[in-house]
Amino acid sequence: MSNPELDNYAGRSDYTDETDYTEDGVVHAIMIPNYKEEMDTLQETLEVLASHPQARSSYDVFLGMEQREAEAESKGLRLVQDFVKKFRSIAFAMHPADIPGEAAGKGSNMAWVARRLSAKYPTGMRHNVIVTGIDADSHLSSGYFTNITSMHHIHEATAPTTIYAAPIIFDRNAHSVPALVRVADVMWCAAGMSGLYPGSTIAPPTSVYSLPLTLVDRVGGWDCDAEAIGEDLHMYIKCFFALNGNLTCRTVLSPVSQSNVTGGGKGGLRGMALDMKARYKQALRHMWGALDTGFALRKGVEMWRDRKRTTRSYQPLHSQANDSSLSISDMDFSSSEDSADEEGFLSDLTQHTVPEPHWERIFYLAHRLFEAHFLPVHMTILVLASALYVALADGSGDPHGIAWTFTLSNLLRTAGFMGVACYLFLYESFHRVSVKAREKEMMKANLAEDMCFSHRSFRKNLIDYVLVPVVAPLYGAIPCIQAELCHLWTVDLVYAVSKKVTRQSAKADAIMAAV
């Protein structure tokens, strides 16, 4: 059925230049939510994607623009026109700012864009559409998508219930940010990688992840409320419980390049303070995701209640909307071959069978959530309480017979420090290999000249090892305590976009550092 509003919008510009879809081919629908991002940041991200050999045949790029941003539409139009010949298709959607019940942020933006892109794909090809969500500054290697395509075909039985996650690395401006910020992001990399080892069944993604469109359909897309501020973990939990814990996690052995957050300072003590303040705000936003523990508990209760209902049905994501505000008229699709028939989708129910709850994996997930959202605070309380006890009880003997706990804790503390030291040692190799591989790929694509690459050395980064005990409470325990105390009164957090380095500023910083 023709949509006049959609037809009028499509007539304004040529947004797509699609290639034919083959039945066994995988299409990668790449969502790039953004708000007040520098034009250069978005252009660089798209240039990296466009340099991939499979971009023209496999990449459908969807830019999530915000109506709250004054220049968003003109920015989207320019980007689409600049890159229309470089992808299978490219389009943008304007996310309204006045939808009731929504909280501003990446999650609500992705939810809006996902409904738009869902309308593009007919039933026959949805099982071969992989949806990937990335940050505006994420640089992905072509190997990321090649590996996912390969795993999607090799593991056909579990492909519909698989989420793909990759490690992240901050290798663009790490040399130009304060050491405390750099170390905080190195440890954040560790947190993300901790679940990506071979055989891991609980592997929550960090920032960038991929999942099949049919799985997005099953779970009803991304949530938009304040509780979903940590949209990566939130979506993982949503998929996990929708499948009764039988979610398959596969690691993509292709690190995602990210930039360290900056405060926009120009160096010196003031610039350092601004960068550290910006990183603390980012840490607070990360720790605000402790709300996902409550979300997981609710989903666990729902799973228990519905544990005997193993047959379920779902519709394509865009057909699940009950609100007229979720129309599909704000995105252009000029190809009629891939466009979905709206009337057909409204009656297109798909049934699937969900296995019984996987209690072992559910226990592991609960443990991981405890590690992420409670352990930082518990560790702080234990360290302070034990130090206070030793100081007050000095010379009083051991009337309660608990001295052995302090001896054991000392051993565990030593083992913990050794584990962190081992990680930092291994991280040096990981960083070196990753940044060299990215530099080589960008040189081959003739994009390396204007980019910045942060190389590490033991001598230059020796201070990083010393600062770990300071970073842990500053960007871990303290923002976690602040977030959880604030949750007693509110779940709302004003979402502030982290300032990211651009090519020009990174290059200027590199020159200043060299001088």
Protein backbone atom coordinates (compact mmCIF):
# COMPACT_ATOMS: atom_id res chain seq x y z
CA MET A 1 0.00 0.00 0.00
CA SER A 2 1.44 3.37 -1.02
CA ASN A 3 2.05 5.91 1.70
CA PRO A 4 1.66 9.45 0.27
CA GLU A 5 3.64 11.01 3.10
CA LEU A 6 6.47 8.55 2.55
CA ASP A 7 6.34 9.07 -1.21
CA ASN A 8 6.57 12.85 -0.83
CA TYR A 9 9.52 12.53 1.52
CA ALA A 10 11.28 10.13 -0.80
CA GLY A 11 10.93 12.54 -3.68
CA ARG A 12 13.10 15.15 -2.01
CA SER A 13 16.38 13.39 -2.59
CA ASP A 14 17.96 10.18 -3.78
CA TYR A 15 18.86 8.50 -0.49
CA THR A 16 19.73 4.99 -1.63
CA ASP A 17 21.65 3.27 -4.35
CA GLU A 18 20.97 -0.34 -3.45
CA THR A 19 22.49 -3.47 -4.88
CA ASP A 20 20.52 -6.66 -5.31
CA TYR A 21 19.98 -8.94 -2.34
CA THR A 22 20.99 -12.58 -2.73
CA GLU A 23 19.08 -15.20 -0.78
CA ASP A 24 22.10 -16.46 1.16
CA GLY A 25 23.68 -13.04 1.62
CA VAL A 26 23.87 -11.26 4.96
CA VAL A 27 22.85 -7.61 5.12
CA HIS A 28 24.31 -5.53 7.94
CA ALA A 29 21.92 -2.82 9.14
CA ILE A 30 24.19 -0.38 10.97
CA MET A 31 22.56 2.11 13.34
CA ILE A 32 24.52 5.24 14.30
CA PRO A 33 22.61 7.20 16.96
CA ASN A 34 24.00 10.68 17.50
CA TYR A 35 23.20 14.00 19.13
CA LYS A 36 25.23 17.19 18.75
CA GLU A 37 28.18 15.23 17.43
CA GLU A 38 30.82 17.02 15.40
CA MET A 39 30.27 16.66 11.66
CA ASP A 40 33.87 15.52 11.29
CA THR A 41 33.31 12.72 13.82
CA LEU A 42 30.38 11.32 11.84
CA GLN A 43 32.14 11.74 8.50
CA GLU A 44 35.20 9.90 9.75
CA THR A 45 33.10 7.02 11.10
CA LEU A 46 31.26 6.71 7.78
CA GLU A 47 34.52 6.93 5.82
CA VAL A 48 35.91 4.01 7.81
CA LEU A 49 32.77 1.94 7.13
CA ALA A 50 32.79 2.93 3.45
CA SER A 51 36.38 1.71 3.10
CA HIS A 52 35.31 -1.88 3.78
CA PRO A 53 35.25 -4.13 0.69
CA GLN A 54 31.71 -5.34 1.46
CA ALA A 55 30.22 -1.88 2.16
CA ARG A 56 28.56 -1.45 -1.27
CA SER A 57 27.00 -4.90 -1.22
CA SER A 58 26.14 -5.49 2.45
CA TYR A 59 25.88 -2.29 4.51
CA ASP A 60 22.59 -0.48 5.09
CA VAL A 61 23.47 2.56 7.22
CA PHE A 62 20.83 4.28 9.34
CA LEU A 63 21.66 7.58 11.03
CA GLY A 64 19.63 8.38 14.13
CA MET A 65 19.28 12.17 14.26
CA GLU A 66 17.59 14.07 17.09
CA GLN A 67 14.97 16.77 16.54
CA ARG A 68 16.32 18.43 19.70
CA GLU A 69 19.42 19.34 17.68
CA ALA A 70 18.82 22.44 15.56
CA GLU A 71 20.99 21.40 12.60
CA ALA A 72 20.20 17.68 12.72
CA GLU A 73 18.17 17.43 9.51
CA SER A 74 20.62 19.40 7.38
CA LYS A 75 23.45 17.36 8.85
CA GLY A 76 21.66 14.12 7.99
CA LEU A 77 20.90 15.29 4.44
CA ARG A 78 24.51 16.24 3.83
CA LEU A 79 25.87 12.95 5.16
CA VAL A 80 23.42 10.91 3.09
CA GLN A 81 24.27 12.83 -0.07
CA ASP A 82 28.01 12.49 0.56
CA PHE A 83 27.89 8.73 1.12
CA VAL A 84 24.94 7.58 -1.01
CA LYS A 85 27.21 5.83 -3.54
CA LYS A 86 29.39 4.13 -0.93
CA PHE A 87 26.91 1.81 0.82
CA ARG A 88 24.18 -0.58 -0.17
CA SER A 89 21.88 2.12 1.18
CA ILE A 90 22.02 5.01 3.61
CA ALA A 91 19.20 6.98 5.24
CA PHE A 92 18.47 8.98 8.36
CA ALA A 93 15.56 9.23 10.77
CA MET A 94 14.56 12.19 12.92
CA HIS A 95 13.82 11.06 16.46
CA PRO A 96 11.10 13.29 17.99
CA ALA A 97 11.79 14.94 21.31
CA ASP A 98 8.27 14.88 22.71
CA ILE A 99 7.31 11.19 22.88
CA PRO A 100 5.63 10.54 26.27
CA GLY A 101 7.49 8.16 28.57
CA GLU A 102 10.78 8.36 26.70
CA ALA A 103 14.10 9.39 28.21
CA ALA A 104 16.63 11.17 26.03
CA GLY A 105 19.60 9.01 25.19
CA LYS A 106 21.08 6.37 22.96
CA GLY A 107 18.44 3.76 23.80
CA SER A 108 15.41 5.81 22.75
CA ASN A 109 17.21 6.92 19.59
CA MET A 110 18.01 3.33 18.65
CA ALA A 111 14.46 2.23 19.41
CA TRP A 112 13.12 4.82 16.97
CA VAL A 113 15.63 3.98 14.22
CA ALA A 114 15.10 0.24 14.68
CA ARG A 115 11.39 0.59 13.95
CA ARG A 116 12.22 2.56 10.85
CA LEU A 117 14.73 0.07 9.51
CA SER A 118 12.45 -2.86 10.34
CA ALA A 119 9.96 -1.63 7.74
CA LYS A 120 12.61 -1.94 5.05
CA TYR A 121 13.03 -5.71 5.13
CA PRO A 122 10.42 -8.25 3.96
CA THR A 123 9.89 -11.57 5.71
CA GLY A 124 12.01 -13.53 3.27
CA MET A 125 15.25 -11.77 4.13
CA ARG A 126 14.81 -10.80 7.80
CA HIS A 127 16.65 -13.91 9.05
CA ASN A 128 19.75 -12.72 7.19
CA VAL A 129 19.69 -9.14 8.46
CA ILE A 130 22.14 -8.41 11.28
CA VAL A 131 21.49 -5.19 13.21
CA THR A 132 24.57 -3.47 14.63
CA GLY A 133 24.50 -0.52 17.01
CA ILE A 134 27.62 1.64 17.21
CA ASP A 135 28.64 4.93 18.78
CA ALA A 136 29.20 7.99 16.64
CA ASP A 137 32.97 7.67 17.08
CA SER A 138 33.28 3.88 16.76
CA HIS A 139 35.74 2.64 14.15
CA LEU A 140 35.12 -0.95 13.12
CA SER A 141 37.39 -3.10 11.01
CA SER A 142 35.98 -4.89 7.99
CA GLY A 143 36.89 -8.05 9.86
CA TYR A 144 34.17 -7.30 12.42
CA PHE A 145 31.42 -7.77 9.86
CA THR A 146 33.24 -10.55 8.01
CA ASN A 147 33.53 -12.57 11.23
CA ILE A 148 29.85 -12.07 12.06
CA THR A 149 28.79 -13.10 8.55
CA SER A 150 30.93 -16.23 8.83
CA MET A 151 29.59 -17.17 12.28
CA HIS A 152 26.02 -16.50 11.14
CA HIS A 153 26.39 -19.05 8.34
CA ILE A 154 28.47 -21.61 10.26
CA HIS A 155 26.18 -21.73 13.31
CA GLU A 156 22.83 -21.77 11.53
CA ALA A 157 21.00 -23.54 14.37
CA THR A 158 21.77 -20.85 16.94
CA ALA A 159 22.05 -17.86 14.58
CA PRO A 160 18.52 -16.55 15.38
CA THR A 161 19.30 -16.43 19.12
CA THR A 162 22.84 -15.06 19.03
CA ILE A 163 24.26 -11.74 20.14
CA TYR A 164 27.73 -10.74 18.95
CA ALA A 165 30.09 -8.66 21.11
CA ALA A 166 33.62 -7.39 20.56
CA PRO A 167 36.28 -5.90 22.84
CA ILE A 168 36.78 -2.15 22.74
CA ILE A 169 40.04 -0.24 22.73
CA PHE A 170 40.82 3.43 23.28
CA ASP A 171 43.59 3.96 20.77
CA ARG A 172 42.95 7.33 19.17
CA ASN A 173 43.67 10.10 21.68
CA ALA A 174 44.84 8.19 24.76
CA HIS A 175 48.20 9.96 24.55
CA SER A 176 46.57 13.40 24.92
CA VAL A 177 44.27 12.83 27.90
CA PRO A 178 45.30 12.85 31.59
CA ALA A 179 46.75 9.59 32.87
CA LEU A 180 43.82 9.11 35.26
CA VAL A 181 41.36 9.24 32.35
CA ARG A 182 43.52 6.92 30.27
CA VAL A 183 43.82 4.34 33.05
CA ALA A 184 40.08 4.52 33.75
CA ASP A 185 39.40 3.57 30.13
CA VAL A 186 42.02 0.83 30.18
CA MET A 187 40.21 -0.69 33.17
CA TRP A 188 36.86 -0.18 31.42
CA CYS A 189 38.26 -2.25 28.54
CA ALA A 190 39.06 -4.96 31.08
CA ALA A 191 35.49 -4.94 32.39
CA GLY A 192 34.16 -5.35 28.87
CA MET A 193 36.57 -8.12 27.95
CA SER A 194 36.06 -10.10 31.16
CA GLY A 195 33.13 -12.01 29.69
CA LEU A 196 34.49 -12.52 26.18
CA TYR A 197 36.73 -15.52 26.82
CA PRO A 198 36.20 -18.78 24.86
CA GLY A 199 33.34 -20.80 26.30
CA SER A 200 31.77 -17.85 28.13
CA THR A 201 27.98 -18.05 28.26
CA ILE A 202 27.50 -14.60 29.80
CA ALA A 203 29.10 -11.93 27.62
CA PRO A 204 27.39 -8.53 27.92
CA PRO A 205 28.52 -6.16 25.15
CA THR A 206 30.14 -2.78 25.64
CA SER A 207 28.94 0.05 23.38
CA VAL A 208 29.05 -1.91 20.10
CA TYR A 209 27.17 -5.15 19.46
CA SER A 210 25.19 -6.99 16.79
CA LEU A 211 22.13 -9.24 16.78
CA PRO A 212 19.79 -10.65 14.11
CA LEU A 213 16.72 -8.64 13.17
CA THR A 214 14.51 -11.61 14.03
CA LEU A 215 15.80 -11.48 17.63
CA VAL A 216 15.05 -7.75 17.72
CA ASP A 217 11.52 -8.65 16.58
CA ARG A 218 11.17 -11.26 19.33
CA VAL A 219 12.02 -8.91 22.17
CA GLY A 220 10.17 -5.87 20.83
CA GLY A 221 13.22 -3.74 20.11
CA TRP A 222 14.99 -1.35 22.44
CA ASP A 223 13.41 0.17 25.55
CA CYS A 224 13.09 3.94 25.83
CA ASP A 225 12.56 4.71 29.52
CA ALA A 226 15.04 6.12 32.03
CA GLU A 227 15.88 2.63 33.24
CA ALA A 228 17.43 1.80 29.86
CA ILE A 229 20.17 4.44 29.98
CA GLY A 230 22.78 1.67 29.72
CA GLU A 231 21.22 0.42 26.51
CA ASP A 232 23.88 -2.22 25.71
CA LEU A 233 23.52 -4.19 28.95
CA HIS A 234 19.77 -3.47 29.06
CA MET A 235 19.21 -4.96 25.60
CA TYR A 236 21.39 -7.94 26.50
CA ILE A 237 19.28 -8.65 29.61
CA LYS A 238 16.08 -8.21 27.62
CA CYS A 239 17.20 -10.76 25.02
CA PHE A 240 18.55 -13.09 27.71
CA PHE A 241 15.26 -13.41 29.58
CA ALA A 242 13.13 -13.42 26.43
CA LEU A 243 14.93 -16.68 25.60
CA ASN A 244 14.77 -18.04 29.17
CA GLY A 245 18.52 -17.67 29.51
CA ASN A 246 19.25 -19.58 26.29
CA LEU A 247 20.88 -16.62 24.56
CA THR A 248 24.00 -17.54 22.59
CA CYS A 249 26.97 -15.19 22.95
CA ARG A 250 29.74 -15.11 20.36
CA THR A 251 32.87 -13.01 20.54
CA VAL A 252 33.98 -11.06 17.49
CA LEU A 253 37.77 -11.06 17.49
CA SER A 254 38.03 -7.58 16.03
CA PRO A 255 38.53 -4.74 18.55
CA VAL A 256 36.37 -1.65 18.18
CA SER A 257 38.36 1.58 18.23
CA GLN A 258 36.98 4.31 20.49
CA SER A 259 38.18 7.73 21.59
CA ASN A 260 38.70 8.78 25.20
CA VAL A 261 36.24 11.35 26.49
CA THR A 262 37.54 14.90 26.79
CA GLY A 263 36.29 18.03 28.51
CA GLY A 264 37.34 20.39 25.74
CA GLY A 265 40.24 21.85 27.68
CA LYS A 266 43.35 23.26 26.02
CA GLY A 267 45.90 21.59 28.24
CA GLY A 268 47.39 22.63 31.53
CA LEU A 269 45.83 22.09 34.93
CA ARG A 270 42.48 23.51 33.83
CA GLY A 271 42.35 21.22 30.80
CA MET A 272 43.27 18.26 32.97
CA ALA A 273 40.50 19.12 35.43
CA LEU A 274 37.93 19.43 32.63
CA ASP A 275 38.92 16.06 31.17
CA MET A 276 38.75 14.36 34.56
CA LYS A 277 35.36 15.94 35.25
CA ALA A 278 34.04 14.76 31.88
CA ARG A 279 35.28 11.23 32.59
CA TYR A 280 33.60 11.25 36.00
CA LYS A 281 30.28 12.22 34.39
CA GLN A 282 30.72 9.34 31.98
CA ALA A 283 31.50 6.98 34.87
CA LEU A 284 28.37 8.16 36.69
CA ARG A 285 26.33 7.42 33.57
CA HIS A 286 27.88 3.95 33.40
CA MET A 287 27.10 3.29 37.05
CA TRP A 288 23.57 4.61 36.60
CA GLY A 289 23.11 1.34 34.74
CA ALA A 290 22.79 -0.32 38.15
CA LEU A 291 19.08 0.12 37.44
CA ASP A 292 19.45 -2.91 35.17
CA THR A 293 19.75 -5.14 38.23
CA GLY A 294 16.16 -4.28 39.13
CA PHE A 295 15.18 -4.75 35.49
CA ALA A 296 16.77 -8.21 35.53
CA LEU A 297 14.89 -9.13 38.72
CA ARG A 298 11.58 -8.15 37.13
CA LYS A 299 12.37 -10.07 33.98
CA GLY A 300 13.34 -13.06 36.11
CA VAL A 301 9.95 -12.97 37.84
CA GLU A 302 8.20 -12.75 34.46
CA MET A 303 10.25 -15.68 33.18
CA TRP A 304 9.29 -17.78 36.22
CA ARG A 305 5.64 -16.91 35.76
CA ASP A 306 5.72 -17.87 32.05
CA ARG A 307 8.18 -20.76 32.34
CA LYS A 308 5.63 -23.34 31.13
CA ARG A 309 4.56 -21.29 28.12
CA THR A 310 7.13 -22.51 25.62
CA THR A 311 5.36 -21.48 22.40
CA ARG A 312 5.25 -17.77 21.68
CA SER A 313 4.58 -15.53 18.70
CA TYR A 314 5.82 -12.18 17.49
CA GLN A 315 5.44 -9.72 14.64
CA PRO A 316 8.07 -7.66 12.83
CA LEU A 317 9.15 -4.78 15.01
CA HIS A 318 7.44 -1.99 13.09
CA SER A 319 4.14 -3.91 13.16
CA GLN A 320 4.19 -4.03 16.96
CA ALA A 321 3.65 -0.28 17.35
CA ASN A 322 0.29 0.69 18.76
CA ASP A 323 0.98 4.41 18.77
CA SER A 324 0.47 6.49 15.64
CA SER A 325 3.59 8.42 16.54
CA LEU A 326 5.55 5.37 15.47
CA SER A 327 4.70 5.75 11.80
CA ILE A 328 7.36 5.01 9.20
CA SER A 329 7.00 8.20 7.23
CA ASP A 330 10.17 9.91 8.38
CA MET A 331 12.65 7.69 6.58
CA ASP A 332 13.19 7.27 2.88
CA PHE A 333 13.56 3.98 1.05
CA SER A 334 13.73 4.43 -2.69
CA SER A 335 13.97 0.72 -3.53
CA SER A 336 10.66 -1.06 -3.90
CA GLU A 337 12.26 -4.52 -3.87
CA ASP A 338 13.22 -4.47 -0.19
CA SER A 339 10.36 -2.33 1.09
CA ALA A 340 7.92 -4.21 3.26
CA ASP A 341 4.21 -4.45 2.58
CA GLU A 342 2.71 -2.87 5.68
CA GLU A 343 -0.65 -4.62 5.38
CA GLY A 344 1.06 -8.01 5.06
CA PHE A 345 3.20 -7.44 8.11
CA LEU A 346 0.25 -6.54 10.32
CA SER A 347 -1.07 -10.08 9.95
CA ASP A 348 2.32 -11.77 9.79
CA LEU A 349 2.72 -13.61 13.09
CA THR A 350 5.70 -15.91 13.57
CA GLN A 351 5.66 -18.65 16.19
CA HIS A 352 8.75 -19.93 17.92
CA THR A 353 9.53 -22.36 20.71
CA VAL A 354 11.48 -21.23 23.76
CA PRO A 355 13.45 -23.87 25.70
CA GLU A 356 13.02 -24.26 29.43
CA PRO A 357 14.85 -21.78 31.67
CA HIS A 358 18.60 -22.33 31.80
CA TRP A 359 19.08 -21.88 35.54
CA GLU A 360 22.86 -22.21 35.51
CA ARG A 361 23.24 -19.30 33.09
CA ILE A 362 20.72 -17.26 35.06
CA PHE A 363 22.86 -17.76 38.17
CA TYR A 364 25.97 -16.65 36.26
CA LEU A 365 24.18 -13.53 35.02
CA ALA A 366 23.14 -12.66 38.58
CA HIS A 367 26.76 -13.02 39.65
CA ARG A 368 27.96 -10.74 36.84
CA LEU A 369 25.40 -8.10 37.78
CA PHE A 370 26.57 -8.31 41.39
CA GLU A 371 30.15 -7.78 40.22
CA ALA A 372 29.21 -4.77 38.12
CA HIS A 373 26.69 -2.98 40.34
CA PHE A 374 27.31 -4.01 43.96
CA LEU A 375 30.89 -5.21 44.37
CA PRO A 376 32.53 -1.77 43.90
CA VAL A 377 30.53 -0.42 46.85
CA HIS A 378 30.94 -3.56 48.95
CA MET A 379 34.70 -3.50 48.40
CA THR A 380 34.89 0.09 49.59
CA ILE A 381 32.85 -0.69 52.70
CA LEU A 382 34.95 -3.77 53.50
CA VAL A 383 38.28 -1.97 53.05
CA LEU A 384 37.23 0.97 55.23
CA ALA A 385 35.57 -1.23 57.87
CA SER A 386 38.51 -3.63 58.13
CA ALA A 387 41.01 -0.76 58.42
CA LEU A 388 38.86 0.86 61.11
CA TYR A 389 38.51 -2.42 63.01
CA VAL A 390 42.25 -3.07 63.00
CA ALA A 391 42.94 0.47 64.22
CA LEU A 392 40.39 0.31 67.04
CA ALA A 393 41.06 -3.28 68.11
CA ASP A 394 44.84 -3.04 68.06
CA GLY A 395 46.30 -4.77 71.13
CA SER A 396 42.95 -6.25 72.22
CA GLY A 397 43.74 -9.79 71.14
CA ASP A 398 41.29 -11.84 69.11
CA PRO A 399 38.28 -12.51 71.39
CA HIS A 400 35.93 -13.11 68.46
CA GLY A 401 38.23 -15.45 66.53
CA ILE A 402 38.17 -13.49 63.29
CA ALA A 403 41.88 -12.78 62.82
CA TRP A 404 42.07 -15.53 60.19
CA THR A 405 39.68 -13.55 57.96
CA PHE A 406 42.18 -10.69 57.80
CA THR A 407 45.00 -13.08 56.93
CA LEU A 408 42.90 -14.64 54.17
CA SER A 409 41.82 -11.22 52.92
CA ASN A 410 45.45 -10.10 52.70
CA LEU A 411 46.23 -13.11 50.52
CA LEU A 412 43.21 -12.45 48.30
CA ARG A 413 44.13 -8.77 48.05
CA THR A 414 47.64 -9.68 46.96
CA ALA A 415 46.28 -12.12 44.39
CA GLY A 416 43.94 -9.41 43.13
CA PHE A 417 46.76 -6.92 42.64
CA MET A 418 48.77 -9.59 40.83
CA GLY A 419 45.78 -10.23 38.56
CA VAL A 420 45.51 -6.54 37.70
CA ALA A 421 49.26 -6.38 37.04
CA CYS A 422 48.96 -9.40 34.74
CA TYR A 423 46.11 -7.74 32.85
CA LEU A 424 48.07 -4.51 32.39
CA PHE A 425 51.02 -6.50 31.09
CA LEU A 426 48.82 -8.34 28.58
CA TYR A 427 47.00 -5.14 27.65
CA GLU A 428 50.22 -3.65 26.31
CA SER A 429 50.39 -6.42 23.69
CA PHE A 430 46.68 -6.14 22.95
CA HIS A 431 46.94 -2.39 22.43
CA ARG A 432 50.07 -2.66 20.29
CA VAL A 433 48.62 -5.33 17.98
CA SER A 434 45.25 -3.58 17.70
CA VAL A 435 46.54 -0.11 16.90
CA LYS A 436 49.03 -1.46 14.34
CA ALA A 437 46.31 -3.50 12.63
CA ARG A 438 44.00 -0.46 12.47
CA GLU A 439 46.79 1.76 11.19
CA LYS A 440 47.64 -0.76 8.48
CA GLU A 441 43.99 -1.03 7.40
CA MET A 442 43.56 2.74 7.32
CA MET A 443 46.76 3.20 5.30
CA LYS A 444 45.47 0.68 2.78
CA ALA A 445 42.23 2.69 2.56
CA ASN A 446 44.16 5.99 2.25
CA LEU A 447 42.55 7.32 5.43
CA ALA A 448 45.51 7.17 7.82
CA GLU A 449 46.97 10.59 7.03
CA ASP A 450 44.35 12.61 8.90
CA MET A 451 43.81 10.09 11.69
CA CYS A 452 45.54 9.82 15.01
CA PHE A 453 46.88 6.60 16.51
CA SER A 454 47.84 6.33 20.17
CA HIS A 455 50.87 4.11 20.60
CA ARG A 456 51.94 2.98 24.05
CA SER A 457 55.33 2.19 25.53
CA PHE A 458 56.33 0.93 28.96
CA ARG A 459 58.52 3.95 29.65
CA LYS A 460 55.95 6.57 28.58
CA ASN A 461 53.05 4.85 30.33
CA LEU A 462 54.79 3.75 33.52
CA ILE A 463 52.63 6.16 35.51
CA ASP A 464 49.54 4.21 34.38
CA TYR A 465 50.51 1.27 36.58
CA VAL A 466 50.96 3.49 39.62
CA LEU A 467 47.56 5.16 39.27
CA VAL A 468 45.41 2.01 39.27
CA PRO A 469 44.72 2.18 43.06
CA VAL A 470 43.57 5.80 42.62
CA VAL A 471 41.43 5.18 39.54
CA ALA A 472 39.49 2.28 41.08
CA PRO A 473 37.70 4.39 43.73
CA LEU A 474 37.65 7.63 41.73
CA TYR A 475 35.92 6.24 38.64
CA GLY A 476 34.49 3.05 40.11
CA ALA A 477 33.36 3.04 43.72
CA ILE A 478 32.55 6.75 44.17
CA PRO A 479 30.28 7.17 41.10
CA CYS A 480 28.69 3.81 41.93
CA ILE A 481 27.86 5.01 45.46
CA GLN A 482 26.55 8.32 44.12
CA ALA A 483 24.34 6.60 41.53
CA GLU A 484 22.86 4.10 43.98
CA LEU A 485 22.14 6.76 46.59
CA CYS A 486 20.45 8.91 43.94
CA HIS A 487 18.30 5.94 42.94
CA LEU A 488 16.57 6.22 46.32
CA TRP A 489 14.93 9.40 44.99
CA THR A 490 15.01 9.25 41.20
CA VAL A 491 15.84 7.06 38.21
CA ASP A 492 16.21 10.04 35.88
CA LEU A 493 19.63 11.21 34.80
CA VAL A 494 20.10 14.18 32.49
CA TYR A 495 21.88 12.65 29.51
CA ALA A 496 24.92 14.67 28.51
CA VAL A 497 26.81 13.77 25.35
CA SER A 498 30.47 13.06 25.98
CA LYS A 499 32.75 15.33 23.97
CA LYS A 500 34.84 13.34 21.52
CA VAL A 501 38.07 14.18 19.81
CA THR A 502 37.91 15.06 16.10
CA ARG A 503 40.59 14.51 13.50
CA GLN A 504 41.71 18.12 13.57
CA SER A 505 41.88 18.35 17.36
CA ALA A 506 43.61 14.99 17.64
CA LYS A 507 46.20 16.07 15.11
CA ALA A 508 46.75 19.36 16.95
CA ASP A 509 47.13 17.51 20.25
CA ALA A 510 49.68 15.18 18.68
CA ILE A 511 51.70 18.15 17.39
CA MET A 512 51.57 19.84 20.80
CA ALA A 513 52.65 16.62 22.50
CA ALA A 514 55.58 16.29 20.10
CA VAL A 515 56.64 19.87 20.77
